[in-house]
Amino acid sequence: MPCMECSYASLTTTISAPEYKTVGPLYKSPNTRLATDLFLSHAQDFLESHLQSKNGAALSKTEDAFITEETEATRLCAMLAESGFAVDEQVDKHDAPRLAFEKYGDVYSALHGRVMDVTPNAMHEIWHPNTKKPSSHECSTIYWCARGTSDEKNDEKKGGLVSWTEEGVVASKEKLAMLMHPTQHAFSFAVPCVAALDCIAQLKMGLVEMGAGTGYWAALLRERGVDIVAYDRAPPTAPDPTNGKTQNLFFNATFTDVLKGDESELAKHADRALFLCWPVAKVETKEMGMEGAVPWDARCLDTWQGDTLIHVGEWRVPPGEANERDDDPLAPPPTADAFPRGTAQCDDPGGITTSLEFQLAVETQFDLKHHVKLPNWPNTRDDLTVWVRK
């Protein structure tokens, strides 16, 4: 058993472990072959040919690296096949999630459950330097899951097994992200469930969704007979084969019709309930040069004049409530089973899915009517809530 000593005061990790045999990067360039002790020569030829094929993890033509969107799409196809949701290998890999959805139903929820079932709980936990430290067994789990038998030099560059983030002290999720990110980018950041979809359908109202992304939630709701109009300022398209770029910052395919439009479209949909799923992302705000401006979700709320609001994402615990965070500046926000469950962010009280300005406006102008706890990826606390204007 390797010896591991965690110094949480300085948020660093000191490791003493045996030397390991290491293998170089799987695939550096079109001319790099895999080590002969891993594959027979004919297997190497097949693998390299596939990686450069239309349905493989295409390489950028301008730099010695995989195109991220292409690689994620290839990973997602493998996950679908390994989970029993295989589609014809000859189809374009960017169409595979939609075809799997049409054939099998809500495959995203199934993939999420499979990933979470095989991931040790210690990899999901948020640790705190003063009040919550992992046990020796959890330390061992973090060591083997976060590092395993990887390259020692690369590990030094990555900064160790744990790190301080907006959530708190967390285990490295690089390997988990290899499964999590392709599924999020293929389907949706928020994971649906039957209870949430039924809650919306039982409202028996027409919906307008803004920031629909792939339209995955809209497609599931349409299957339940919900009349929903879905908009996105940049409806997803397949990546440009020459540079890997897409119209949408996060997604590259759709599951149903998604119209091009921004928050101004909401002025003509006061007769519909407004549906917002993870409406704000810091990286997108920065990409659009909108930092410091009125948040996009708050602008949606100002433009739309309807009565019923449906939100999917995190929600803060208002100051003054019984489970308010303590005075420790490093303490993660409080959490609870009942709404509001709080966010997973230490440095951003509004969380990562929705702006604080939007949440304050909703709490002032609306009454909460329904709450459904959603399946969550690590370090998010997504809920579906239904609000009615006062």
Protein backbone atom coordinates (compact mmCIF):
# COMPACT_ATOMS: atom_id res chain seq x y z
CA MET A 1 0.00 0.00 0.00
CA PRO A 2 1.51 3.36 -0.95
CA CYS A 3 2.02 5.90 1.76
CA MET A 4 0.07 9.12 1.36
CA GLU A 5 0.06 12.14 3.61
CA CYS A 6 -2.40 14.97 2.92
CA SER A 7 -1.56 18.46 4.15
CA TYR A 8 -4.90 20.25 4.02
CA ALA A 9 -3.61 23.42 5.64
CA SER A 10 -1.63 24.21 2.51
CA LEU A 11 -4.03 22.27 0.26
CA THR A 12 -1.21 20.17 -1.14
CA THR A 13 -0.56 16.46 -1.23
CA THR A 14 2.74 14.66 -0.59
CA ILE A 15 2.97 11.23 -2.15
CA SER A 16 5.46 8.45 -1.56
CA ALA A 17 4.79 5.58 -3.90
CA PRO A 18 6.61 2.86 -5.87
CA GLU A 19 8.05 3.54 -9.29
CA TYR A 20 5.79 2.44 -12.13
CA LYS A 21 6.37 1.29 -15.65
CA THR A 22 4.80 3.86 -17.91
CA VAL A 23 3.72 3.94 -21.50
CA GLY A 24 3.89 7.09 -23.59
CA PRO A 25 0.84 9.00 -24.84
CA LEU A 26 -1.59 6.79 -26.71
CA TYR A 27 -1.45 8.78 -29.91
CA LYS A 28 0.73 11.84 -30.49
CA SER A 29 0.57 12.24 -34.25
CA PRO A 30 -0.49 10.33 -37.37
CA ASN A 31 2.99 8.78 -37.59
CA THR A 32 3.25 7.62 -33.97
CA ARG A 33 2.58 3.92 -33.42
CA LEU A 34 1.36 2.33 -30.21
CA ALA A 35 3.88 0.25 -28.29
CA THR A 36 4.21 -3.21 -29.84
CA ASP A 37 3.78 -4.89 -26.46
CA LEU A 38 0.21 -3.52 -26.29
CA PHE A 39 -1.13 -4.43 -29.72
CA LEU A 40 -0.18 -6.70 -32.57
CA SER A 41 0.96 -4.85 -35.65
CA HIS A 42 -2.31 -5.41 -37.55
CA ALA A 43 -4.27 -4.08 -34.54
CA GLN A 44 -2.08 -0.97 -34.53
CA ASP A 45 -2.81 -0.35 -38.20
CA PHE A 46 -6.54 -0.76 -37.64
CA LEU A 47 -6.57 1.56 -34.61
CA GLU A 48 -4.58 4.30 -36.32
CA SER A 49 -6.75 4.06 -39.41
CA HIS A 50 -9.91 4.35 -37.30
CA LEU A 51 -8.63 7.32 -35.31
CA GLN A 52 -8.18 9.21 -38.58
CA SER A 53 -11.46 8.06 -40.11
CA LYS A 54 -14.73 9.97 -40.37
CA ASN A 55 -16.08 8.27 -37.25
CA GLY A 56 -12.80 8.23 -35.34
CA ALA A 57 -11.19 10.78 -33.05
CA ALA A 58 -10.01 13.08 -35.83
CA LEU A 59 -6.72 14.93 -35.59
CA SER A 60 -6.43 18.65 -36.13
CA LYS A 61 -4.73 19.49 -39.41
CA THR A 62 -3.08 22.54 -37.93
CA GLU A 63 -1.62 21.17 -34.70
CA ASP A 64 -0.45 17.92 -33.18
CA ALA A 65 -3.57 17.29 -31.10
CA PHE A 66 -6.99 15.72 -31.23
CA ILE A 67 -9.93 17.95 -32.08
CA THR A 68 -11.81 17.99 -28.77
CA GLU A 69 -15.32 17.74 -30.22
CA GLU A 70 -14.32 14.84 -32.47
CA THR A 71 -12.63 12.94 -29.65
CA GLU A 72 -15.58 13.42 -27.29
CA ALA A 73 -18.01 12.22 -29.94
CA THR A 74 -15.93 9.07 -30.42
CA ARG A 75 -15.84 8.43 -26.67
CA LEU A 76 -19.61 8.89 -26.45
CA CYS A 77 -20.21 6.35 -29.24
CA ALA A 78 -18.08 3.84 -27.32
CA MET A 79 -20.02 4.53 -24.10
CA LEU A 80 -23.33 4.02 -25.90
CA ALA A 81 -22.19 0.71 -27.38
CA GLU A 82 -20.74 -0.56 -24.10
CA SER A 83 -23.99 0.32 -22.32
CA GLY A 84 -26.17 -1.63 -24.75
CA PHE A 85 -27.28 1.35 -26.85
CA ALA A 86 -25.32 0.59 -30.00
CA VAL A 87 -26.21 2.19 -33.33
CA ASP A 88 -24.91 1.46 -36.82
CA GLU A 89 -21.16 2.07 -36.87
CA GLN A 90 -21.46 3.56 -40.36
CA VAL A 91 -23.49 6.58 -39.22
CA ASP A 92 -21.81 9.89 -38.53
CA LYS A 93 -20.67 9.79 -34.89
CA HIS A 94 -22.30 13.19 -34.23
CA ASP A 95 -25.67 11.65 -35.12
CA ALA A 96 -25.20 8.61 -32.87
CA PRO A 97 -26.68 10.15 -29.67
CA ARG A 98 -29.84 11.25 -31.49
CA LEU A 99 -30.25 7.85 -33.17
CA ALA A 100 -29.73 6.08 -29.84
CA PHE A 101 -32.35 8.37 -28.27
CA GLU A 102 -34.83 7.63 -31.06
CA LYS A 103 -34.22 3.89 -30.72
CA TYR A 104 -33.91 3.44 -26.94
CA GLY A 105 -35.37 6.56 -25.25
CA ASP A 106 -33.66 8.57 -22.50
CA VAL A 107 -30.17 7.13 -22.91
CA TYR A 108 -28.59 10.13 -21.15
CA SER A 109 -30.13 9.25 -17.79
CA ALA A 110 -28.97 5.67 -18.24
CA LEU A 111 -25.39 6.71 -19.07
CA HIS A 112 -25.33 9.08 -16.09
CA GLY A 113 -26.47 6.30 -13.78
CA ARG A 114 -23.87 3.90 -15.13
CA VAL A 115 -21.00 6.37 -14.69
CA MET A 116 -22.07 7.29 -11.17
CA ASP A 117 -22.60 3.67 -10.16
CA VAL A 118 -19.01 2.71 -10.99
CA THR A 119 -17.41 5.85 -9.54
CA PRO A 120 -16.40 5.56 -5.85
CA ASN A 121 -18.15 8.00 -3.53
CA ALA A 122 -14.82 9.46 -2.41
CA MET A 123 -14.37 10.91 -5.90
CA HIS A 124 -17.61 12.88 -5.51
CA GLU A 125 -17.02 14.31 -2.06
CA ILE A 126 -16.13 17.91 -1.19
CA TRP A 127 -13.49 18.05 1.54
CA HIS A 128 -12.78 20.88 3.96
CA PRO A 129 -9.41 21.69 5.57
CA ASN A 130 -10.89 22.20 9.03
CA THR A 131 -14.06 20.17 9.29
CA LYS A 132 -14.14 17.35 6.74
CA LYS A 133 -11.12 15.21 5.88
CA PRO A 134 -11.11 11.86 4.08
CA SER A 135 -10.56 8.64 6.00
CA SER A 136 -7.58 6.42 5.26
CA HIS A 137 -9.78 4.22 3.05
CA GLU A 138 -11.03 7.26 1.15
CA CYS A 139 -7.44 8.48 0.75
CA SER A 140 -6.55 5.13 -0.79
CA THR A 141 -9.51 5.35 -3.15
CA ILE A 142 -8.56 8.87 -4.23
CA TYR A 143 -4.95 7.78 -4.77
CA TRP A 144 -5.76 4.88 -7.03
CA CYS A 145 -8.63 6.51 -8.92
CA ALA A 146 -6.97 9.88 -9.45
CA ARG A 147 -3.47 8.64 -10.17
CA GLY A 148 -3.38 4.91 -10.76
CA THR A 149 -0.36 3.94 -12.84
CA SER A 150 0.08 7.16 -14.77
CA ASP A 151 3.22 9.03 -15.74
CA GLU A 152 4.93 10.55 -12.68
CA LYS A 153 6.22 13.56 -14.63
CA ASN A 154 2.77 14.34 -15.97
CA ASP A 155 1.29 13.99 -12.47
CA GLU A 156 3.64 16.67 -11.18
CA LYS A 157 2.40 19.07 -13.86
CA LYS A 158 -1.22 18.32 -12.96
CA GLY A 159 -0.67 19.32 -9.34
CA GLY A 160 -1.39 16.16 -7.36
CA LEU A 161 -4.42 14.25 -6.19
CA VAL A 162 -6.51 17.01 -4.65
CA SER A 163 -6.93 20.68 -5.42
CA TRP A 164 -8.72 23.75 -4.17
CA THR A 165 -11.58 24.75 -6.43
CA GLU A 166 -14.71 26.87 -6.21
CA GLU A 167 -16.40 23.82 -4.65
CA GLY A 168 -13.78 23.21 -1.95
CA VAL A 169 -11.05 20.56 -1.77
CA VAL A 170 -11.85 17.92 -4.36
CA ALA A 171 -10.18 14.86 -5.81
CA SER A 172 -8.83 15.12 -9.33
CA LYS A 173 -11.67 14.36 -11.72
CA GLU A 174 -9.66 14.24 -14.91
CA LYS A 175 -10.48 10.58 -15.53
CA LEU A 176 -14.12 11.00 -14.51
CA ALA A 177 -14.32 14.01 -16.83
CA MET A 178 -13.38 11.76 -19.74
CA LEU A 179 -16.77 10.11 -19.23
CA MET A 180 -18.75 13.05 -17.88
CA HIS A 181 -17.92 15.76 -20.42
CA PRO A 182 -18.73 13.78 -23.59
CA THR A 183 -22.17 12.90 -22.21
CA GLN A 184 -22.91 16.46 -21.08
CA HIS A 185 -21.81 17.91 -24.43
CA ALA A 186 -23.81 15.33 -26.37
CA PHE A 187 -27.06 15.70 -24.41
CA SER A 188 -27.40 18.39 -21.73
CA PHE A 189 -25.61 19.67 -18.64
CA ALA A 190 -28.60 18.78 -16.43
CA VAL A 191 -29.73 15.16 -16.18
CA PRO A 192 -33.51 14.63 -16.55
CA CYS A 193 -35.64 12.13 -14.64
CA VAL A 194 -39.18 10.79 -14.97
CA ALA A 195 -40.48 12.74 -11.95
CA ALA A 196 -39.22 16.06 -13.36
CA LEU A 197 -40.59 15.45 -16.85
CA ASP A 198 -43.95 14.33 -15.45
CA CYS A 199 -44.07 17.42 -13.21
CA ILE A 200 -43.76 19.65 -16.28
CA ALA A 201 -46.19 17.63 -18.39
CA GLN A 202 -48.83 17.73 -15.65
CA LEU A 203 -48.88 21.54 -15.81
CA LYS A 204 -50.68 21.09 -19.14
CA MET A 205 -49.23 24.35 -20.46
CA GLY A 206 -47.43 25.44 -23.58
CA LEU A 207 -43.72 26.14 -22.96
CA VAL A 208 -41.07 28.36 -24.47
CA GLU A 209 -37.46 27.33 -23.79
CA MET A 210 -34.61 29.80 -24.17
CA GLY A 211 -31.04 28.52 -24.37
CA ALA A 212 -32.24 25.06 -25.40
CA GLY A 213 -28.82 23.79 -26.55
CA THR A 214 -29.30 20.34 -28.05
CA GLY A 215 -33.03 20.44 -27.32
CA TYR A 216 -32.73 17.19 -25.34
CA TRP A 217 -35.17 18.24 -22.61
CA ALA A 218 -37.50 19.65 -25.27
CA ALA A 219 -37.41 16.33 -27.16
CA LEU A 220 -38.29 14.38 -24.01
CA LEU A 221 -41.14 16.77 -23.22
CA ARG A 222 -42.50 16.59 -26.78
CA GLU A 223 -42.63 12.80 -26.39
CA ARG A 224 -44.96 13.44 -23.43
CA GLY A 225 -47.21 15.62 -25.52
CA VAL A 226 -45.93 18.97 -24.25
CA ASP A 227 -46.22 21.88 -26.70
CA ILE A 228 -42.80 23.52 -26.47
CA VAL A 229 -41.05 26.10 -28.66
CA ALA A 230 -37.26 25.84 -28.21
CA TYR A 231 -34.79 28.66 -28.97
CA ASP A 232 -31.04 29.06 -28.78
CA ARG A 233 -28.93 32.01 -29.89
CA ALA A 234 -26.67 29.51 -31.71
CA PRO A 235 -28.43 26.21 -32.48
CA PRO A 236 -25.79 23.44 -32.47
CA THR A 237 -24.25 22.18 -35.70
CA ALA A 238 -21.68 19.51 -36.47
CA PRO A 239 -18.03 20.64 -36.17
CA ASP A 240 -16.28 22.11 -39.20
CA PRO A 241 -14.06 19.23 -40.41
CA THR A 242 -11.18 21.61 -41.16
CA ASN A 243 -10.84 23.19 -37.73
CA GLY A 244 -13.27 21.45 -35.36
CA LYS A 245 -15.22 24.65 -34.64
CA THR A 246 -18.98 24.66 -34.08
CA GLN A 247 -21.64 27.36 -33.93
CA ASN A 248 -22.46 26.50 -30.32
CA LEU A 249 -19.82 26.76 -27.59
CA PHE A 250 -20.92 23.52 -25.88
CA PHE A 251 -22.94 21.32 -28.24
CA ASN A 252 -22.73 20.07 -31.84
CA ALA A 253 -26.05 18.31 -32.56
CA THR A 254 -29.77 18.56 -31.77
CA PHE A 255 -32.48 16.04 -30.82
CA THR A 256 -35.44 18.10 -32.01
CA ASP A 257 -36.12 21.41 -33.75
CA VAL A 258 -34.28 24.29 -32.06
CA LEU A 259 -34.97 27.73 -33.52
CA LYS A 260 -32.39 30.51 -33.69
CA GLY A 261 -33.32 33.36 -31.35
CA ASP A 262 -32.32 35.36 -28.30
CA GLU A 263 -34.25 36.70 -25.30
CA SER A 264 -36.09 39.25 -27.48
CA GLU A 265 -38.22 36.34 -28.80
CA LEU A 266 -39.78 35.98 -25.35
CA ALA A 267 -41.78 39.18 -25.78
CA LYS A 268 -44.20 37.29 -28.03
CA HIS A 269 -44.61 34.26 -25.75
CA ALA A 270 -46.29 35.66 -22.64
CA ASP A 271 -48.94 32.97 -23.06
CA ARG A 272 -46.38 30.21 -22.47
CA ALA A 273 -44.50 29.06 -19.38
CA LEU A 274 -40.79 29.96 -19.56
CA PHE A 275 -38.40 27.01 -19.30
CA LEU A 276 -34.73 27.71 -18.46
CA CYS A 277 -32.21 24.89 -18.00
CA TRP A 278 -28.72 25.93 -16.78
CA PRO A 279 -29.26 29.36 -18.38
CA VAL A 280 -25.95 31.00 -17.44
CA ALA A 281 -22.37 29.79 -17.97
CA LYS A 282 -19.40 31.94 -16.99
CA VAL A 283 -17.29 30.68 -19.87
CA GLU A 284 -19.99 31.66 -22.39
CA THR A 285 -20.44 35.08 -20.78
CA LYS A 286 -16.71 35.66 -21.15
CA GLU A 287 -16.68 34.36 -24.72
CA MET A 288 -19.45 36.82 -25.66
CA GLY A 289 -17.68 39.74 -23.96
CA MET A 290 -20.69 40.23 -21.64
CA GLU A 291 -18.85 40.25 -18.31
CA GLY A 292 -20.25 42.99 -16.08
CA ALA A 293 -23.48 43.26 -18.09
CA VAL A 294 -26.94 42.31 -16.83
CA PRO A 295 -26.89 38.48 -16.82
CA TRP A 296 -28.64 36.80 -19.70
CA ASP A 297 -31.12 34.89 -17.53
CA ALA A 298 -32.14 38.11 -15.78
CA ARG A 299 -32.72 39.73 -19.18
CA CYS A 300 -34.93 36.79 -20.15
CA LEU A 301 -37.01 37.30 -17.02
CA ASP A 302 -37.38 41.03 -17.73
CA THR A 303 -38.49 40.43 -21.34
CA TRP A 304 -40.92 37.57 -20.73
CA GLN A 305 -44.25 38.63 -19.19
CA GLY A 306 -45.83 35.23 -18.56
CA ASP A 307 -46.95 33.74 -15.23
CA THR A 308 -45.29 30.31 -14.86
CA LEU A 309 -41.51 29.85 -14.69
CA ILE A 310 -39.73 26.47 -14.83
CA HIS A 311 -36.07 26.41 -13.81
CA VAL A 312 -33.47 23.61 -13.88
CA GLY A 313 -30.21 24.20 -12.03
CA GLU A 314 -28.78 25.14 -8.65
CA TRP A 315 -30.38 27.56 -6.20
CA ARG A 316 -28.76 29.44 -3.33
CA VAL A 317 -29.69 29.19 0.33
CA PRO A 318 -30.92 32.71 1.19
CA PRO A 319 -29.05 34.47 4.05
CA GLY A 320 -30.70 34.11 7.44
CA GLU A 321 -32.02 30.58 6.93
CA ALA A 322 -31.33 27.93 9.56
CA ASN A 323 -28.72 26.09 7.50
CA GLU A 324 -26.81 29.22 6.49
CA ARG A 325 -23.07 28.72 5.97
CA ASP A 326 -20.86 29.47 8.96
CA ASP A 327 -18.20 32.17 9.27
CA ASP A 328 -15.41 29.99 7.86
CA PRO A 329 -14.53 31.54 4.46
CA LEU A 330 -13.45 28.12 3.17
CA ALA A 331 -16.67 26.38 4.14
CA PRO A 332 -18.75 25.12 1.22
CA PRO A 333 -22.28 26.51 1.09
CA PRO A 334 -24.82 24.54 3.15
CA THR A 335 -26.79 21.74 1.63
CA ALA A 336 -30.18 20.25 2.45
CA ASP A 337 -32.58 17.66 1.07
CA ALA A 338 -35.40 20.21 0.91
CA PHE A 339 -35.32 23.12 -1.51
CA PRO A 340 -33.32 25.30 -1.60
CA ARG A 341 -30.46 22.79 -1.35
CA GLY A 342 -27.76 25.41 -1.85
CA THR A 343 -25.04 25.44 -4.47
CA ALA A 344 -21.76 23.56 -4.55
CA GLN A 345 -19.71 26.74 -4.92
CA CYS A 346 -17.65 28.37 -2.17
CA ASP A 347 -16.71 31.43 -4.20
CA ASP A 348 -19.98 32.03 -6.04
CA PRO A 349 -23.14 32.06 -3.89
CA GLY A 350 -25.36 31.89 -6.95
CA GLY A 351 -23.78 28.66 -8.20
CA ILE A 352 -22.63 27.80 -11.71
CA THR A 353 -25.99 27.38 -13.46
CA THR A 354 -27.90 30.58 -12.83
CA SER A 355 -26.99 34.16 -11.91
CA LEU A 356 -27.56 35.55 -8.43
CA GLU A 357 -29.46 38.48 -9.98
CA PHE A 358 -31.94 36.07 -11.57
CA GLN A 359 -32.48 34.15 -8.33
CA LEU A 360 -33.08 37.35 -6.35
CA ALA A 361 -35.60 38.56 -8.91
CA VAL A 362 -37.47 35.25 -8.92
CA GLU A 363 -37.61 35.10 -5.12
CA THR A 364 -39.10 38.61 -5.09
CA GLN A 365 -41.58 38.26 -7.95
CA PHE A 366 -42.65 34.60 -7.82
CA ASP A 367 -43.92 31.94 -5.41
CA LEU A 368 -42.46 28.42 -5.46
CA LYS A 369 -45.08 25.78 -6.33
CA HIS A 370 -43.19 22.56 -7.16
CA HIS A 371 -39.73 21.11 -6.51
CA VAL A 372 -38.12 17.93 -7.90
CA LYS A 373 -34.61 16.81 -6.94
CA LEU A 374 -32.69 15.81 -10.07
CA PRO A 375 -29.90 13.28 -10.64
CA ASN A 376 -26.65 15.22 -10.30
CA TRP A 377 -23.15 15.05 -11.67
CA PRO A 378 -20.42 15.47 -9.01
CA ASN A 379 -20.35 18.87 -7.30
CA THR A 380 -23.63 20.20 -8.69
CA ARG A 381 -26.99 20.33 -6.91
CA ASP A 382 -29.52 20.60 -9.70
CA ASP A 383 -33.25 20.78 -9.01
CA LEU A 384 -36.33 21.38 -11.11
CA THR A 385 -38.53 24.12 -9.67
CA VAL A 386 -41.84 25.59 -10.84
CA TRP A 387 -42.69 29.16 -9.87
CA VAL A 388 -45.86 31.26 -10.34
CA ARG A 389 -45.79 35.03 -10.56
CA LYS A 390 -47.25 36.80 -7.50
